[in-house]
Amino acid sequence: MKVETFQKNLGRAVATVRASRGMTQADLARGSKLRHASQISTIERGMGNPTARVVFALAQGLHVKVSALMTLAEHPHGPAGAVRDLAEGK
């Protein structure tokens, strides 16, 4: 997997989990103790290159393990594929 693909998938993973929790980007920014919701937007669009510290903060804000975000991001079919597999019991 290319790093660009991983970045986009990580962004999609963050967006997927955030939406499933009924959170806005501003809610996640506050919960993650990040300064601006625009940071969340940049990451979700796959345009950012978040540091390990930021990924850890996002996971805390989303109330998931960092490994859960990584698993979603690394799935061959992206976060949507991972969610579909979970729903199908795979």
C-alpha atoms as a PDB file:
ATOM      1  CA  MET A   1       0.000   0.000   0.000  1.00  0.00           C
ATOM      2  CA  LYS A   2       1.303   3.443  -0.860  1.00  0.00           C
ATOM      3  CA  VAL A   3       1.617   6.001   1.919  1.00  0.00           C
ATOM      4  CA  GLU A   4      -0.829   8.286   0.091  1.00  0.00           C
ATOM      5  CA  THR A   5      -3.420   5.506   0.065  1.00  0.00           C
ATOM      6  CA  PHE A   6      -2.844   4.896   3.770  1.00  0.00           C
ATOM      7  CA  GLN A   7      -3.293   8.617   4.518  1.00  0.00           C
ATOM      8  CA  LYS A   8      -6.591   8.701   2.629  1.00  0.00           C
ATOM      9  CA  ASN A   9      -7.777   5.513   4.313  1.00  0.00           C
ATOM     10  CA  LEU A  10      -6.811   6.843   7.737  1.00  0.00           C
ATOM     11  CA  GLY A  11      -8.820   9.977   7.016  1.00  0.00           C
ATOM     12  CA  ARG A  12     -11.777   7.891   5.916  1.00  0.00           C
ATOM     13  CA  ALA A  13     -11.435   5.762   9.052  1.00  0.00           C
ATOM     14  CA  VAL A  14     -11.539   8.851  11.258  1.00  0.00           C
ATOM     15  CA  ALA A  15     -14.571  10.187   9.357  1.00  0.00           C
ATOM     16  CA  THR A  16     -16.360   6.821   9.499  1.00  0.00           C
ATOM     17  CA  VAL A  17     -15.895   6.381  13.243  1.00  0.00           C
ATOM     18  CA  ARG A  18     -16.693  10.045  13.946  1.00  0.00           C
ATOM     19  CA  ALA A  19     -19.933   9.860  11.963  1.00  0.00           C
ATOM     20  CA  SER A  20     -20.926   6.575  13.623  1.00  0.00           C
ATOM     21  CA  ARG A  21     -20.571   8.323  16.980  1.00  0.00           C
ATOM     22  CA  GLY A  22     -22.738  11.258  15.840  1.00  0.00           C
ATOM     23  CA  MET A  23     -19.853  13.666  16.334  1.00  0.00           C
ATOM     24  CA  THR A  24     -19.086  16.799  14.344  1.00  0.00           C
ATOM     25  CA  GLN A  25     -15.543  17.685  13.382  1.00  0.00           C
ATOM     26  CA  ALA A  26     -15.656  20.386  16.073  1.00  0.00           C
ATOM     27  CA  ASP A  27     -16.737  17.791  18.659  1.00  0.00           C
ATOM     28  CA  LEU A  28     -13.813  15.579  17.694  1.00  0.00           C
ATOM     29  CA  ALA A  29     -11.367  18.488  17.782  1.00  0.00           C
ATOM     30  CA  ARG A  30     -12.505  19.322  21.323  1.00  0.00           C
ATOM     31  CA  GLY A  31     -12.476  15.677  22.440  1.00  0.00           C
ATOM     32  CA  SER A  32      -9.020  15.194  20.957  1.00  0.00           C
ATOM     33  CA  LYS A  33      -7.761  18.468  22.397  1.00  0.00           C
ATOM     34  CA  LEU A  34      -6.729  19.596  18.911  1.00  0.00           C
ATOM     35  CA  ARG A  35      -6.790  23.306  18.264  1.00  0.00           C
ATOM     36  CA  HIS A  36      -8.960  23.532  15.173  1.00  0.00           C
ATOM     37  CA  ALA A  37     -11.725  21.553  13.480  1.00  0.00           C
ATOM     38  CA  SER A  38      -9.945  22.387  10.208  1.00  0.00           C
ATOM     39  CA  GLN A  39      -7.217  19.945  11.311  1.00  0.00           C
ATOM     40  CA  ILE A  40      -9.846  17.208  11.419  1.00  0.00           C
ATOM     41  CA  SER A  41     -11.129  18.199   7.988  1.00  0.00           C
ATOM     42  CA  THR A  42      -7.629  18.073   6.507  1.00  0.00           C
ATOM     43  CA  ILE A  43      -6.992  14.618   7.975  1.00  0.00           C
ATOM     44  CA  GLU A  44     -10.381  13.269   6.902  1.00  0.00           C
ATOM     45  CA  ARG A  45      -9.769  14.418   3.324  1.00  0.00           C
ATOM     46  CA  GLY A  46      -6.477  12.505   3.327  1.00  0.00           C
ATOM     47  CA  MET A  47      -4.538  15.722   2.871  1.00  0.00           C
ATOM     48  CA  GLY A  48      -2.779  15.751   6.225  1.00  0.00           C
ATOM     49  CA  ASN A  49       0.139  13.751   7.493  1.00  0.00           C
ATOM     50  CA  PRO A  50      -0.772  13.404  11.170  1.00  0.00           C
ATOM     51  CA  THR A  51       1.926  12.644  13.676  1.00  0.00           C
ATOM     52  CA  ALA A  52       1.700   9.694  16.028  1.00  0.00           C
ATOM     53  CA  ARG A  53       0.686  12.161  18.751  1.00  0.00           C
ATOM     54  CA  VAL A  54      -2.235  13.419  16.641  1.00  0.00           C
ATOM     55  CA  VAL A  55      -3.370   9.884  15.738  1.00  0.00           C
ATOM     56  CA  PHE A  56      -3.265   8.979  19.439  1.00  0.00           C
ATOM     57  CA  ALA A  57      -5.300  12.108  20.291  1.00  0.00           C
ATOM     58  CA  LEU A  58      -7.848  11.293  17.575  1.00  0.00           C
ATOM     59  CA  ALA A  59      -8.240   7.760  18.883  1.00  0.00           C
ATOM     60  CA  GLN A  60      -8.819   9.100  22.393  1.00  0.00           C
ATOM     61  CA  GLY A  61     -11.353  11.609  21.095  1.00  0.00           C
ATOM     62  CA  LEU A  62     -13.156   8.853  19.208  1.00  0.00           C
ATOM     63  CA  HIS A  63     -12.970   6.454  22.189  1.00  0.00           C
ATOM     64  CA  VAL A  64     -11.256   3.737  20.144  1.00  0.00           C
ATOM     65  CA  LYS A  65      -7.851   2.122  20.239  1.00  0.00           C
ATOM     66  CA  VAL A  66      -5.176   3.414  17.894  1.00  0.00           C
ATOM     67  CA  SER A  67      -4.961  -0.131  16.554  1.00  0.00           C
ATOM     68  CA  ALA A  68      -8.639   0.046  15.529  1.00  0.00           C
ATOM     69  CA  LEU A  69      -7.952   3.118  13.381  1.00  0.00           C
ATOM     70  CA  MET A  70      -4.898   1.418  11.887  1.00  0.00           C
ATOM     71  CA  THR A  71      -6.875  -1.745  11.129  1.00  0.00           C
ATOM     72  CA  LEU A  72      -9.533   0.286   9.319  1.00  0.00           C
ATOM     73  CA  ALA A  73      -6.901   2.255   7.404  1.00  0.00           C
ATOM     74  CA  GLU A  74      -4.916  -0.841   6.389  1.00  0.00           C
ATOM     75  CA  HIS A  75      -7.868  -2.868   5.095  1.00  0.00           C
ATOM     76  CA  PRO A  76      -7.365  -3.670   1.395  1.00  0.00           C
ATOM     77  CA  HIS A  77     -10.749  -2.129   0.577  1.00  0.00           C
ATOM     78  CA  GLY A  78     -10.408   0.809   2.965  1.00  0.00           C
ATOM     79  CA  PRO A  79     -12.566   1.561   5.991  1.00  0.00           C
ATOM     80  CA  ALA A  80     -15.807   0.838   4.129  1.00  0.00           C
ATOM     81  CA  GLY A  81     -14.523  -2.648   3.294  1.00  0.00           C
ATOM     82  CA  ALA A  82     -13.523  -3.256   6.890  1.00  0.00           C
ATOM     83  CA  VAL A  83     -16.932  -2.172   8.152  1.00  0.00           C
ATOM     84  CA  ARG A  84     -18.642  -4.357   5.537  1.00  0.00           C
ATOM     85  CA  ASP A  85     -16.510  -7.344   6.577  1.00  0.00           C
ATOM     86  CA  LEU A  86     -17.404  -6.786  10.233  1.00  0.00           C
ATOM     87  CA  ALA A  87     -21.093  -6.586   9.391  1.00  0.00           C
ATOM     88  CA  GLU A  88     -20.814  -9.833   7.443  1.00  0.00           C
ATOM     89  CA  GLY A  89     -18.970 -11.538  10.303  1.00  0.00           C
ATOM     90  CA  LYS A  90     -15.684 -11.959   8.436  1.00  0.00           C
END
